[in-house]
Amino acid sequence: MRIDIKDKIVVITGGYGHLGSAITESIAIHNGIAIVLGRSQTKFELLKNKIAESKNVHFQYCDVSDTSSVKDAFSKIVSQFGKLDVLINNAFFGKSAVPEKMNDEDWQLGIEGGLNTTFRCIREVLPYLLNGSKIINISSMYGTVSPDFSIYDDFPSFINPPNYGASKAGIQQLTRYFAAYLGKKAITVNCISPGPFPSLEIQKNEAFVKELEQRTVLNRIGQPHELAGICVFLASDQASFITGQNIAVDGGWTIR
């Protein structure tokens, strides 16, 4: 069967970021209606101008840290499009710091920017989900395994902060929880855990990228489109018997 998400209304938080852009574009290519939730219409327009299927891509203002903004966004989407089939929780924000220098506000920001926003979006979308709807949460390999801190010996500014993995591990548990909770309604909830997908800015540091590459069995970093494919599959009807799963897209990082 051909994987097709034709006419599915797919909402992506953080849909114009490094990974989110590829997810948005792939949804549009596969005939889905991609609705990007974000705070910057300017960043959205820059992305939309690069997508051939731009007619399938739309913007809805939303601050995922604000419950009223999330409520308003989902309400407007359903009013305009008549339904909401898939929610992809991809947005994340936080502040990097070594544990000894991470204050309470820094810690809370990372938990809010990943775990809390994911819960908030799931909670507020529930009234609009119907039989066959899908939720896809973006976690991280660092929600499953601890960082290899030797990577950062020569690159301390890139150190992975403790609240990042804690937040991403919480997202994996939220996925299992809501998969069980919503199963009776035939709503599936799954999780994707990316491995090394460094941003274009980080990729300028070739020595650091080399450290990342050496820790995958494929000896390279991931490219955003390699994450987008699994999002399209999980959003499709072909994935309707998959729920509560965490799927690693990490080049084999976590298998050894």
Protein backbone atom coordinates (compact mmCIF):
# COMPACT_ATOMS: atom_id res chain seq x y z
CA MET A 1 0.00 0.00 0.00
CA ARG A 2 1.23 3.46 -0.85
CA ILE A 3 1.86 5.69 2.13
CA ASP A 4 -0.37 8.68 1.60
CA ILE A 5 -1.79 11.19 4.04
CA LYS A 6 -3.97 12.98 1.52
CA ASP A 7 -6.26 15.57 3.11
CA LYS A 8 -5.11 14.79 6.66
CA ILE A 9 -4.84 17.92 8.79
CA VAL A 10 -1.42 17.64 10.43
CA VAL A 11 -0.41 20.19 13.07
CA ILE A 12 3.32 20.56 13.79
CA THR A 13 4.62 22.59 16.72
CA GLY A 14 7.97 24.16 15.97
CA GLY A 15 7.39 23.32 12.32
CA TYR A 16 9.90 25.80 10.89
CA GLY A 17 12.97 24.77 12.90
CA HIS A 18 15.92 22.58 11.86
CA LEU A 19 14.00 19.30 12.09
CA GLY A 20 10.52 20.77 11.98
CA SER A 21 11.08 22.25 8.52
CA ALA A 22 11.78 18.82 7.04
CA ILE A 23 8.73 17.36 8.78
CA THR A 24 6.51 20.15 7.46
CA GLU A 25 7.81 19.78 3.92
CA SER A 26 7.43 16.00 3.94
CA ILE A 27 3.85 16.23 5.17
CA ALA A 28 3.06 18.61 2.29
CA ILE A 29 4.84 16.43 -0.29
CA HIS A 30 2.71 13.45 0.79
CA ASN A 31 -0.50 15.44 0.22
CA GLY A 32 -1.20 16.24 3.84
CA ILE A 33 -2.23 19.69 5.01
CA ALA A 34 0.65 20.88 7.21
CA ILE A 35 -0.24 23.54 9.76
CA VAL A 36 2.77 25.03 11.51
CA LEU A 37 2.24 26.32 15.04
CA GLY A 38 4.77 28.99 15.96
CA ARG A 39 5.33 32.56 17.02
CA SER A 40 7.16 33.89 13.94
CA GLN A 41 5.26 34.26 10.71
CA THR A 42 8.46 35.60 9.15
CA LYS A 43 10.31 32.33 9.78
CA PHE A 44 7.29 30.43 8.49
CA GLU A 45 7.17 32.42 5.25
CA LEU A 46 10.88 31.76 4.65
CA LEU A 47 10.14 28.03 4.92
CA LYS A 48 6.97 28.17 2.82
CA ASN A 49 8.80 29.89 -0.02
CA LYS A 50 11.14 26.88 -0.25
CA ILE A 51 8.36 24.27 -0.44
CA ALA A 52 7.03 23.38 -3.88
CA GLU A 53 3.71 22.21 -2.42
CA SER A 54 3.25 25.51 -0.59
CA LYS A 55 -0.52 25.36 -1.07
CA ASN A 56 -0.50 22.54 1.50
CA VAL A 57 1.32 24.58 4.14
CA HIS A 58 -0.34 27.01 6.56
CA PHE A 59 0.59 29.03 9.63
CA GLN A 60 -1.21 29.41 12.93
CA TYR A 61 0.20 31.65 15.62
CA CYS A 62 0.71 29.79 18.88
CA ASP A 63 2.87 30.18 21.98
CA VAL A 64 3.09 26.62 23.30
CA SER A 65 4.06 27.92 26.75
CA ASP A 66 0.68 29.68 27.08
CA THR A 67 -2.41 27.53 27.62
CA SER A 68 -4.82 30.17 26.29
CA SER A 69 -2.74 30.51 23.11
CA VAL A 70 -2.75 26.74 22.58
CA LYS A 71 -6.51 26.56 23.13
CA ASP A 72 -7.08 29.40 20.68
CA ALA A 73 -4.83 27.84 18.03
CA PHE A 74 -6.57 24.46 18.04
CA SER A 75 -10.00 26.10 18.03
CA LYS A 76 -9.13 28.25 15.01
CA ILE A 77 -7.64 25.30 13.10
CA VAL A 78 -10.77 23.18 13.55
CA SER A 79 -13.00 26.14 12.67
CA GLN A 80 -11.06 26.72 9.44
CA PHE A 81 -10.34 23.14 8.35
CA GLY A 82 -13.21 21.27 9.98
CA LYS A 83 -11.04 18.73 11.79
CA LEU A 84 -7.61 17.93 13.19
CA ASP A 85 -6.18 14.49 12.37
CA VAL A 86 -2.59 14.49 13.59
CA LEU A 87 -0.62 16.44 16.20
CA ILE A 88 3.18 16.35 16.04
CA ASN A 89 4.75 17.75 19.21
CA ASN A 90 8.14 18.91 17.99
CA ALA A 91 8.72 22.29 19.67
CA PHE A 92 11.45 22.62 22.29
CA PHE A 93 13.16 25.50 24.04
CA GLY A 94 15.65 25.67 26.87
CA LYS A 95 18.98 27.01 28.03
CA SER A 96 22.23 25.06 28.07
CA ALA A 97 24.36 24.95 31.22
CA VAL A 98 26.59 22.54 33.10
CA PRO A 99 24.84 21.07 36.16
CA GLU A 100 26.92 23.06 38.67
CA LYS A 101 25.91 26.33 37.06
CA MET A 102 22.27 25.53 36.30
CA ASN A 103 19.99 27.57 38.52
CA ASP A 104 16.35 26.80 39.28
CA GLU A 105 15.07 29.04 36.49
CA ASP A 106 17.32 27.39 33.90
CA TRP A 107 16.16 23.96 35.04
CA GLN A 108 12.50 24.86 34.90
CA LEU A 109 12.87 26.44 31.46
CA GLY A 110 14.11 23.17 29.94
CA ILE A 111 11.33 21.15 31.58
CA GLU A 112 8.76 23.69 30.43
CA GLY A 113 10.23 23.81 26.92
CA GLY A 114 9.88 20.08 26.34
CA LEU A 115 7.78 18.08 28.77
CA ASN A 116 5.28 20.70 29.90
CA THR A 117 4.55 22.02 26.42
CA THR A 118 4.03 18.49 25.11
CA PHE A 119 1.54 17.71 27.88
CA ARG A 120 -0.20 21.05 27.39
CA CYS A 121 -0.68 20.48 23.66
CA ILE A 122 -1.94 16.92 24.18
CA ARG A 123 -4.40 18.02 26.85
CA GLU A 124 -5.81 20.85 24.77
CA VAL A 125 -6.10 18.83 21.53
CA LEU A 126 -8.05 15.97 23.11
CA PRO A 127 -11.52 17.50 22.60
CA TYR A 128 -10.89 17.62 18.84
CA LEU A 129 -9.48 14.13 18.27
CA LEU A 130 -11.71 11.51 16.69
CA ASN A 131 -11.44 7.78 16.04
CA GLY A 132 -8.24 7.24 14.08
CA SER A 133 -6.52 10.45 15.12
CA LYS A 134 -2.80 10.35 15.91
CA ILE A 135 -0.35 12.04 18.25
CA ILE A 136 3.38 11.93 17.51
CA ASN A 137 5.80 13.19 20.13
CA ILE A 138 9.43 14.07 19.41
CA SER A 139 11.73 12.92 22.21
CA SER A 140 15.49 12.24 21.96
CA MET A 141 17.99 9.44 22.34
CA TYR A 142 19.01 11.31 25.51
CA GLY A 143 15.63 10.44 26.93
CA THR A 144 16.75 6.81 26.71
CA VAL A 145 20.51 6.85 27.37
CA SER A 146 22.83 9.21 29.18
CA PRO A 147 25.22 11.42 27.21
CA ASP A 148 28.75 10.25 26.48
CA PHE A 149 30.46 13.14 28.23
CA SER A 150 33.81 12.43 26.60
CA ILE A 151 32.31 14.05 23.49
CA TYR A 152 32.35 17.38 25.28
CA ASP A 153 35.90 17.29 26.68
CA ASP A 154 37.11 19.61 23.92
CA PHE A 155 33.73 21.24 23.31
CA PRO A 156 32.33 22.22 26.74
CA SER A 157 29.99 24.83 25.25
CA PHE A 158 28.03 22.05 23.51
CA ILE A 159 27.42 19.98 26.66
CA ASN A 160 23.98 18.41 26.88
CA PRO A 161 22.19 19.84 29.95
CA PRO A 162 20.55 17.53 32.54
CA ASN A 163 17.05 18.91 32.10
CA TYR A 164 17.06 18.11 28.38
CA GLY A 165 17.26 14.35 28.87
CA ALA A 166 14.91 14.48 31.86
CA SER A 167 12.35 16.33 29.77
CA LYS A 168 12.71 13.95 26.82
CA ALA A 169 12.44 10.87 29.07
CA GLY A 170 9.24 12.34 30.45
CA ILE A 171 7.90 12.70 26.91
CA GLN A 172 8.49 8.99 26.33
CA GLN A 173 6.47 8.18 29.44
CA LEU A 174 3.71 10.60 28.43
CA THR A 175 3.57 8.73 25.14
CA ARG A 176 3.00 5.38 26.86
CA TYR A 177 0.49 6.91 29.26
CA PHE A 178 -1.67 8.52 26.59
CA ALA A 179 -1.40 5.53 24.26
CA ALA A 180 -2.99 3.44 27.00
CA TYR A 181 -5.46 6.15 27.97
CA LEU A 182 -6.67 6.86 24.42
CA GLY A 183 -6.53 3.35 22.98
CA LYS A 184 -10.22 2.73 23.61
CA LYS A 185 -10.93 5.66 21.29
CA ALA A 186 -8.68 4.22 18.55
CA ILE A 187 -6.32 7.18 18.92
CA THR A 188 -2.67 6.20 18.58
CA VAL A 189 0.19 7.92 20.39
CA ASN A 190 3.80 7.28 19.44
CA CYS A 191 7.20 8.78 20.07
CA ILE A 192 10.27 9.38 17.90
CA SER A 193 13.73 9.72 19.46
CA PRO A 194 16.23 11.42 17.14
CA GLY A 195 19.94 10.84 17.56
CA PRO A 196 22.64 13.22 16.28
CA PHE A 197 20.93 15.78 14.06
CA PRO A 198 23.07 18.86 14.81
CA SER A 199 21.88 22.21 13.55
CA LEU A 200 23.59 23.90 10.61
CA GLU A 201 25.31 26.27 13.03
CA ILE A 202 26.78 23.41 15.06
CA GLN A 203 27.81 21.62 11.87
CA LYS A 204 30.26 24.44 11.24
CA ASN A 205 32.40 22.85 13.95
CA GLU A 206 33.71 19.90 11.96
CA ALA A 207 35.72 18.44 14.84
CA PHE A 208 32.63 18.22 17.06
CA VAL A 209 30.58 16.69 14.26
CA LYS A 210 33.31 14.07 13.86
CA GLU A 211 32.87 13.12 17.51
CA LEU A 212 29.16 12.60 16.91
CA GLU A 213 29.70 10.60 13.74
CA GLN A 214 32.05 8.17 15.44
CA ARG A 215 29.37 7.15 17.92
CA THR A 216 26.85 5.95 15.37
CA VAL A 217 27.20 2.59 13.65
CA LEU A 218 26.63 4.35 10.33
CA ASN A 219 29.53 6.74 11.01
CA ARG A 220 27.62 9.88 10.12
CA ILE A 221 25.13 12.37 11.47
CA GLY A 222 21.47 12.35 10.50
CA GLN A 223 19.88 14.61 7.91
CA PRO A 224 16.49 16.19 8.71
CA HIS A 225 14.65 14.40 5.89
CA GLU A 226 15.67 11.08 7.49
CA LEU A 227 13.53 11.96 10.51
CA ALA A 228 10.64 13.30 8.45
CA GLY A 229 9.90 9.94 6.83
CA ILE A 230 8.96 8.19 10.06
CA CYS A 231 6.68 11.12 10.93
CA VAL A 232 4.80 10.68 7.66
CA PHE A 233 4.51 6.93 8.21
CA LEU A 234 3.17 7.31 11.76
CA ALA A 235 0.70 9.92 10.52
CA SER A 236 -0.61 7.55 7.86
CA ASP A 237 -3.29 4.88 8.10
CA GLN A 238 -0.60 2.26 7.51
CA ALA A 239 0.57 2.86 11.09
CA SER A 240 -2.84 2.46 12.71
CA PHE A 241 -1.86 -0.65 14.71
CA ILE A 242 1.25 0.96 16.19
CA THR A 243 0.83 2.77 19.49
CA GLY A 244 2.78 3.49 22.64
CA GLN A 245 6.11 2.98 20.89
CA ASN A 246 9.36 4.91 21.04
CA ILE A 247 11.16 4.68 17.69
CA ALA A 248 14.85 5.61 17.67
CA VAL A 249 16.16 7.37 14.58
CA ASP A 250 19.76 7.60 15.70
CA GLY A 251 22.02 5.83 13.23
CA GLY A 252 22.43 3.02 15.73
CA TRP A 253 23.80 5.24 18.53
CA THR A 254 21.78 3.54 21.27
CA ILE A 255 22.35 -0.09 20.25
CA ARG A 256 25.81 -0.29 21.75
